[in-house]
């Protein structure tokens, strides 16, 4: 039997194989939490610069872990306290970032798992809420500056 009659079966098998290993877009990322920590997060979370909780410091991480995985990760993703958005790495995907936060929490007393698509959607919603609040605060500051400019003339 020649190969050509089997071609449709081979193509169908490849489609199913791809579907079995394809990740939903929200889960796409290529790095483990440990890899991201070692390349991005370590700069601040190893030394504690700008009051960043040090990796492994259970006392410092306990109140952050208590916030909940989706809340802490969502807030950190958009920037919180002295931490810049995306941990200062514009190339970092949300999935990779979230795995790094989970890795640091696990190493500091938490029992967080790497996020699945459901948890990542919760993180997205929390990050969006934080952004909306931040934008409103910045717009209020901008209005205040415009008012000061008007009264200074």
Protein backbone atom coordinates (compact mmCIF):
# COMPACT_ATOMS: atom_id res chain seq x y z
CA UNK A 1 0.00 0.00 0.00
CA UNK A 2 1.38 3.39 -0.94
CA UNK A 3 1.79 6.33 1.43
CA UNK A 4 -0.71 8.59 -0.39
CA UNK A 5 -3.92 6.80 0.66
CA UNK A 6 -2.74 7.20 4.28
CA UNK A 7 -2.05 10.93 3.91
CA UNK A 8 -5.48 12.05 5.20
CA UNK A 9 -5.02 9.86 8.29
CA UNK A 10 -1.55 11.26 8.91
CA UNK A 11 -2.86 14.83 8.56
CA UNK A 12 -5.72 14.12 10.95
CA UNK A 13 -3.33 12.58 13.46
CA UNK A 14 -1.11 15.67 13.29
CA UNK A 15 -4.09 17.95 13.93
CA UNK A 16 -5.09 15.95 17.01
CA UNK A 17 -1.51 15.79 18.22
CA UNK A 18 -1.13 19.56 17.88
CA UNK A 19 -4.42 20.15 19.70
CA UNK A 20 -3.35 17.89 22.54
CA UNK A 21 -0.13 19.84 23.13
CA UNK A 22 -1.26 23.37 22.24
CA UNK A 23 -1.78 25.73 25.12
CA UNK A 24 -4.59 28.24 25.31
CA UNK A 25 -3.19 31.72 24.50
CA UNK A 26 -3.49 32.85 28.13
CA UNK A 27 -1.16 30.03 29.26
CA UNK A 28 1.47 30.71 26.65
CA UNK A 29 4.89 31.26 28.01
CA UNK A 30 8.13 29.41 27.81
CA UNK A 31 9.79 29.84 31.17
CA UNK A 32 9.40 28.20 34.53
CA UNK A 33 8.86 30.30 37.62
CA UNK A 34 12.40 29.49 38.75
CA UNK A 35 13.85 30.60 35.40
CA UNK A 36 12.01 33.91 35.54
CA UNK A 37 13.03 34.42 39.17
CA UNK A 38 16.70 33.82 38.33
CA UNK A 39 16.69 36.16 35.32
CA UNK A 40 14.32 38.95 36.38
CA UNK A 41 13.09 38.83 39.98
CA UNK A 42 16.39 38.02 41.68
CA UNK A 43 17.63 41.59 41.12
CA UNK A 44 15.29 42.87 43.84
CA UNK A 45 13.96 39.83 45.68
CA UNK A 46 17.41 38.46 46.52
CA UNK A 47 18.71 41.61 48.17
CA UNK A 48 15.44 43.18 49.33
CA UNK A 49 16.11 46.44 47.49
CA UNK A 50 13.29 49.01 47.84
CA UNK A 51 11.66 46.81 50.49
CA UNK A 52 11.07 43.92 48.08
CA UNK A 53 10.31 40.81 50.15
CA UNK A 54 13.32 38.54 49.98
CA UNK A 55 12.90 35.09 48.52
CA UNK A 56 12.49 32.64 51.41
CA UNK A 57 11.57 35.29 54.01
CA UNK A 58 8.40 33.74 55.39
CA UNK A 59 7.57 36.69 57.65
CA UNK A 60 7.80 39.21 54.82
CA UNK A 61 5.81 37.05 52.40
CA UNK A 62 3.08 35.93 54.84
CA UNK A 63 0.85 39.03 54.50
CA UNK A 64 1.36 39.03 50.72
CA UNK A 65 0.47 35.36 50.43
CA UNK A 66 -2.62 36.06 52.56
CA UNK A 67 -3.84 38.51 49.89
CA UNK A 68 -4.43 35.55 47.60
CA UNK A 69 -2.65 34.40 44.49
CA UNK A 70 -4.82 36.25 41.98
CA UNK A 71 -4.73 39.52 43.93
CA UNK A 72 -1.00 39.62 44.60
CA UNK A 73 -0.10 38.50 41.08
CA UNK A 74 -2.53 40.92 39.43
CA UNK A 75 -1.28 43.86 41.49
CA UNK A 76 2.36 42.98 40.93
CA UNK A 77 1.79 42.58 37.17
CA UNK A 78 0.67 46.22 36.85
CA UNK A 79 3.12 47.51 39.45
CA UNK A 80 2.72 47.88 43.17
CA UNK A 81 4.62 49.84 45.80
CA UNK A 82 8.19 50.25 44.43
CA UNK A 83 7.81 47.32 42.02
CA UNK A 84 7.54 48.28 38.35
CA UNK A 85 4.95 46.70 36.08
CA UNK A 86 5.90 43.22 34.86
CA UNK A 87 8.75 43.24 37.33
CA UNK A 88 10.54 45.68 35.04
CA UNK A 89 10.69 43.24 32.11
CA UNK A 90 8.45 44.33 29.21
CA UNK A 91 9.04 41.03 27.39
CA UNK A 92 7.62 38.90 30.21
CA UNK A 93 4.30 37.18 29.48
CA UNK A 94 1.60 37.11 32.13
CA UNK A 95 1.86 33.32 32.35
CA UNK A 96 5.63 33.40 32.92
CA UNK A 97 5.27 36.25 35.42
CA UNK A 98 2.52 34.40 37.31
CA UNK A 99 4.64 31.25 37.50
CA UNK A 100 7.49 33.33 38.98
CA UNK A 101 5.21 34.81 41.65
CA UNK A 102 3.94 31.32 42.50
CA UNK A 103 7.54 30.06 42.67
CA UNK A 104 8.54 32.85 45.08
CA UNK A 105 5.45 32.28 47.23
CA UNK A 106 6.16 28.53 47.41
CA UNK A 107 9.75 29.25 48.40
CA UNK A 108 8.54 31.58 51.12
CA UNK A 109 5.93 29.48 52.91
CA UNK A 110 2.99 29.47 50.50
CA UNK A 111 1.46 26.47 48.80
CA UNK A 112 0.65 28.16 45.49
CA UNK A 113 0.50 26.13 42.31
CA UNK A 114 1.50 27.31 38.88
CA UNK A 115 -1.63 28.99 37.55
CA UNK A 116 -3.99 27.32 35.11
CA UNK A 117 -6.19 29.23 32.65
CA UNK A 118 -8.95 29.75 35.24
CA UNK A 119 -6.57 31.35 37.74
CA UNK A 120 -4.90 33.41 35.02
CA UNK A 121 -8.31 34.85 34.08
CA UNK A 122 -8.81 35.83 37.74
CA UNK A 123 -5.39 37.48 37.67
CA UNK A 124 -6.32 39.38 34.49
CA UNK A 125 -9.53 40.65 36.12
CA UNK A 126 -7.67 41.75 39.25
CA UNK A 127 -4.95 43.48 37.22
CA UNK A 128 -7.61 45.27 35.18
CA UNK A 129 -9.37 46.50 38.35
CA UNK A 130 -6.06 47.81 39.67
CA UNK A 131 -5.31 49.57 36.39
CA UNK A 132 -8.72 51.24 36.31
CA UNK A 133 -8.19 52.53 39.85
CA UNK A 134 -4.70 53.75 39.01
CA UNK A 135 -5.90 55.50 35.84
CA UNK A 136 -8.66 57.27 37.76
CA UNK A 137 -6.16 58.42 40.40
CA UNK A 138 -3.79 59.71 37.72
CA UNK A 139 -6.61 61.51 35.89
CA UNK A 140 -7.59 63.22 39.16
CA UNK A 141 -3.99 64.33 39.62
CA UNK A 142 -3.92 65.59 36.04
CA UNK A 143 -7.10 67.63 36.61
CA UNK A 144 -5.53 69.07 39.75
CA UNK A 145 -2.44 70.10 37.79
CA UNK A 146 -4.56 71.70 35.07
CA UNK A 147 -6.48 73.63 37.73
CA UNK A 148 -3.22 74.83 39.26
CA UNK A 149 -2.03 75.95 35.84
CA UNK A 150 -5.25 77.91 35.26
CA UNK A 151 -5.01 79.69 38.60
CA UNK A 152 -1.33 80.53 38.09
CA UNK A 153 -2.04 82.54 34.92
